[in-house]
Amino acid sequence: MKYAAALIALSIAATATAQTAPAPAPATPAAPAAPAAGAKFTLDTPLADIVADPAGKAVIDKDLPGLTSLEQFDTFKGASLNQVVPFSNGALTPEKLAQVAADLAAIK
């Protein structure tokens, strides 16, 4: 649950931003923008779409433990991981995102 505090801050910031200002420019992806050939999910796929698939949810639960069980998950599940990076208080590091991207790319 080490990501919980950062992700709670993320959900609060995302909610406030969505209500008061235009969406921020997309963050620079930590992994290559082009998905692997045949990749089903990327860091630009909305979290809701990823976790709707059992294999995608397994990746998110493994690589970002506790994320999908946060009460606030519903407030930011429509965003992609690349979109939530600026609100993660450093929890979504380039290394962590690269791991998630690699694991997602393995899902066909």
C-alpha atoms as a PDB file:
ATOM      1  CA  MET A   1       0.000   0.000   0.000  1.00  0.00           C
ATOM      2  CA  LYS A   2       2.990   2.342  -0.331  1.00  0.00           C
ATOM      3  CA  TYR A   3       1.259   3.972  -3.266  1.00  0.00           C
ATOM      4  CA  ALA A   4      -1.948   4.656  -1.356  1.00  0.00           C
ATOM      5  CA  ALA A   5      -1.077   8.128  -0.030  1.00  0.00           C
ATOM      6  CA  ALA A   6       0.198   9.323  -3.393  1.00  0.00           C
ATOM      7  CA  LEU A   7      -2.786   7.882  -5.189  1.00  0.00           C
ATOM      8  CA  ILE A   8      -5.227   9.443  -2.750  1.00  0.00           C
ATOM      9  CA  ALA A   9      -3.560  12.783  -3.470  1.00  0.00           C
ATOM     10  CA  LEU A  10      -3.843  11.905  -7.157  1.00  0.00           C
ATOM     11  CA  SER A  11      -7.568  11.306  -6.938  1.00  0.00           C
ATOM     12  CA  ILE A  12      -8.137  14.543  -5.055  1.00  0.00           C
ATOM     13  CA  ALA A  13      -6.031  16.522  -7.508  1.00  0.00           C
ATOM     14  CA  ALA A  14      -7.653  14.864 -10.512  1.00  0.00           C
ATOM     15  CA  THR A  15     -11.114  15.644  -9.208  1.00  0.00           C
ATOM     16  CA  ALA A  16     -10.233  19.259  -8.468  1.00  0.00           C
ATOM     17  CA  THR A  17      -8.518  19.726 -11.815  1.00  0.00           C
ATOM     18  CA  ALA A  18     -11.409  18.181 -13.711  1.00  0.00           C
ATOM     19  CA  GLN A  19     -13.810  20.607 -12.077  1.00  0.00           C
ATOM     20  CA  THR A  20     -11.798  23.817 -12.228  1.00  0.00           C
ATOM     21  CA  ALA A  21      -9.372  23.781 -15.134  1.00  0.00           C
ATOM     22  CA  PRO A  22      -8.790  22.301 -18.552  1.00  0.00           C
ATOM     23  CA  ALA A  23      -7.059  18.936 -18.650  1.00  0.00           C
ATOM     24  CA  PRO A  24      -3.266  19.130 -18.404  1.00  0.00           C
ATOM     25  CA  ALA A  25      -1.176  18.307 -21.430  1.00  0.00           C
ATOM     26  CA  PRO A  26      -0.364  14.605 -21.623  1.00  0.00           C
ATOM     27  CA  ALA A  27       2.718  13.631 -19.677  1.00  0.00           C
ATOM     28  CA  THR A  28       5.747  12.425 -21.531  1.00  0.00           C
ATOM     29  CA  PRO A  29       5.435   8.653 -21.600  1.00  0.00           C
ATOM     30  CA  ALA A  30       8.007   6.733 -19.597  1.00  0.00           C
ATOM     31  CA  ALA A  31       7.907   3.887 -22.092  1.00  0.00           C
ATOM     32  CA  PRO A  32       7.934   3.918 -25.879  1.00  0.00           C
ATOM     33  CA  ALA A  33       4.751   5.455 -27.237  1.00  0.00           C
ATOM     34  CA  ALA A  34       4.346   2.757 -29.868  1.00  0.00           C
ATOM     35  CA  PRO A  35       2.875  -0.386 -28.360  1.00  0.00           C
ATOM     36  CA  ALA A  36       4.439  -3.746 -29.069  1.00  0.00           C
ATOM     37  CA  ALA A  37       2.948  -5.450 -32.098  1.00  0.00           C
ATOM     38  CA  GLY A  38      -0.388  -6.897 -31.067  1.00  0.00           C
ATOM     39  CA  ALA A  39      -0.362  -5.274 -27.607  1.00  0.00           C
ATOM     40  CA  LYS A  40      -3.844  -5.065 -26.170  1.00  0.00           C
ATOM     41  CA  PHE A  41      -3.081  -2.328 -23.597  1.00  0.00           C
ATOM     42  CA  THR A  42      -0.601   0.532 -23.244  1.00  0.00           C
ATOM     43  CA  LEU A  43       0.115   3.279 -20.717  1.00  0.00           C
ATOM     44  CA  ASP A  44      -2.361   5.389 -22.710  1.00  0.00           C
ATOM     45  CA  THR A  45      -5.255   2.958 -22.235  1.00  0.00           C
ATOM     46  CA  PRO A  46      -7.813   4.137 -19.656  1.00  0.00           C
ATOM     47  CA  LEU A  47      -7.395   2.272 -16.375  1.00  0.00           C
ATOM     48  CA  ALA A  48     -11.069   1.270 -16.485  1.00  0.00           C
ATOM     49  CA  ASP A  49     -10.457  -0.607 -19.739  1.00  0.00           C
ATOM     50  CA  ILE A  50      -7.353  -2.323 -18.364  1.00  0.00           C
ATOM     51  CA  VAL A  51      -8.949  -3.511 -15.123  1.00  0.00           C
ATOM     52  CA  ALA A  52     -12.077  -4.706 -16.960  1.00  0.00           C
ATOM     53  CA  ASP A  53      -9.868  -7.433 -18.434  1.00  0.00           C
ATOM     54  CA  PRO A  54      -8.741 -10.100 -15.895  1.00  0.00           C
ATOM     55  CA  ALA A  55      -5.190 -10.192 -17.275  1.00  0.00           C
ATOM     56  CA  GLY A  56      -4.966  -6.390 -17.269  1.00  0.00           C
ATOM     57  CA  LYS A  57      -6.252  -6.169 -13.709  1.00  0.00           C
ATOM     58  CA  ALA A  58      -3.684  -8.785 -12.656  1.00  0.00           C
ATOM     59  CA  VAL A  59      -0.885  -6.610 -14.086  1.00  0.00           C
ATOM     60  CA  ILE A  60      -2.135  -3.470 -12.327  1.00  0.00           C
ATOM     61  CA  ASP A  61      -2.601  -5.354  -9.042  1.00  0.00           C
ATOM     62  CA  LYS A  62       0.906  -6.854  -9.296  1.00  0.00           C
ATOM     63  CA  ASP A  63       2.767  -3.746 -10.409  1.00  0.00           C
ATOM     64  CA  LEU A  64       0.732  -1.112  -8.516  1.00  0.00           C
ATOM     65  CA  PRO A  65      -0.574  -2.956  -5.447  1.00  0.00           C
ATOM     66  CA  GLY A  66      -3.573  -1.364  -3.801  1.00  0.00           C
ATOM     67  CA  LEU A  67      -4.462   0.943  -6.685  1.00  0.00           C
ATOM     68  CA  THR A  68      -7.682  -0.762  -7.741  1.00  0.00           C
ATOM     69  CA  SER A  69      -8.885  -1.194  -4.163  1.00  0.00           C
ATOM     70  CA  LEU A  70      -8.691   2.505  -3.311  1.00  0.00           C
ATOM     71  CA  GLU A  71     -12.073   4.062  -2.572  1.00  0.00           C
ATOM     72  CA  GLN A  72     -11.074   6.919  -4.882  1.00  0.00           C
ATOM     73  CA  PHE A  73     -10.263   4.649  -7.833  1.00  0.00           C
ATOM     74  CA  ASP A  74     -13.587   5.528  -9.468  1.00  0.00           C
ATOM     75  CA  THR A  75     -12.556   9.197  -9.612  1.00  0.00           C
ATOM     76  CA  PHE A  76      -9.560   8.557 -11.865  1.00  0.00           C
ATOM     77  CA  LYS A  77     -10.223   5.203 -13.551  1.00  0.00           C
ATOM     78  CA  GLY A  78     -11.200   6.970 -16.783  1.00  0.00           C
ATOM     79  CA  ALA A  79      -7.654   8.303 -17.108  1.00  0.00           C
ATOM     80  CA  SER A  80      -4.606   6.477 -18.407  1.00  0.00           C
ATOM     81  CA  LEU A  81      -1.490   5.929 -16.324  1.00  0.00           C
ATOM     82  CA  ASN A  82       0.345   8.503 -18.451  1.00  0.00           C
ATOM     83  CA  GLN A  83      -2.373  11.031 -17.623  1.00  0.00           C
ATOM     84  CA  VAL A  84      -2.172  10.466 -13.872  1.00  0.00           C
ATOM     85  CA  VAL A  85       1.633  10.655 -13.583  1.00  0.00           C
ATOM     86  CA  PRO A  86       1.627  14.400 -12.740  1.00  0.00           C
ATOM     87  CA  PHE A  87      -0.755  13.748  -9.834  1.00  0.00           C
ATOM     88  CA  SER A  88       1.019  10.710  -8.364  1.00  0.00           C
ATOM     89  CA  ASN A  89       3.462  12.604  -6.111  1.00  0.00           C
ATOM     90  CA  GLY A  90       6.310  10.600  -7.618  1.00  0.00           C
ATOM     91  CA  ALA A  91       4.735   7.174  -6.997  1.00  0.00           C
ATOM     92  CA  LEU A  92       4.522   6.464 -10.721  1.00  0.00           C
ATOM     93  CA  THR A  93       8.229   6.531 -11.515  1.00  0.00           C
ATOM     94  CA  PRO A  94       9.598   5.982 -15.019  1.00  0.00           C
ATOM     95  CA  GLU A  95      10.897   2.603 -13.850  1.00  0.00           C
ATOM     96  CA  LYS A  96       7.516   1.560 -12.439  1.00  0.00           C
ATOM     97  CA  LEU A  97       5.744   2.708 -15.605  1.00  0.00           C
ATOM     98  CA  ALA A  98       8.244   0.803 -17.761  1.00  0.00           C
ATOM     99  CA  GLN A  99       7.476  -2.356 -15.775  1.00  0.00           C
ATOM    100  CA  VAL A 100       3.719  -1.837 -16.172  1.00  0.00           C
ATOM    101  CA  ALA A 101       4.151  -1.119 -19.891  1.00  0.00           C
ATOM    102  CA  ALA A 102       6.191  -4.293 -20.397  1.00  0.00           C
ATOM    103  CA  ASP A 103       3.681  -6.413 -18.492  1.00  0.00           C
ATOM    104  CA  LEU A 104       0.732  -4.877 -20.349  1.00  0.00           C
ATOM    105  CA  ALA A 105       2.471  -5.414 -23.707  1.00  0.00           C
ATOM    106  CA  ALA A 106       2.678  -9.127 -22.914  1.00  0.00           C
ATOM    107  CA  ILE A 107      -1.131  -9.342 -22.875  1.00  0.00           C
ATOM    108  CA  LYS A 108      -2.438 -10.309 -26.280  1.00  0.00           C
END
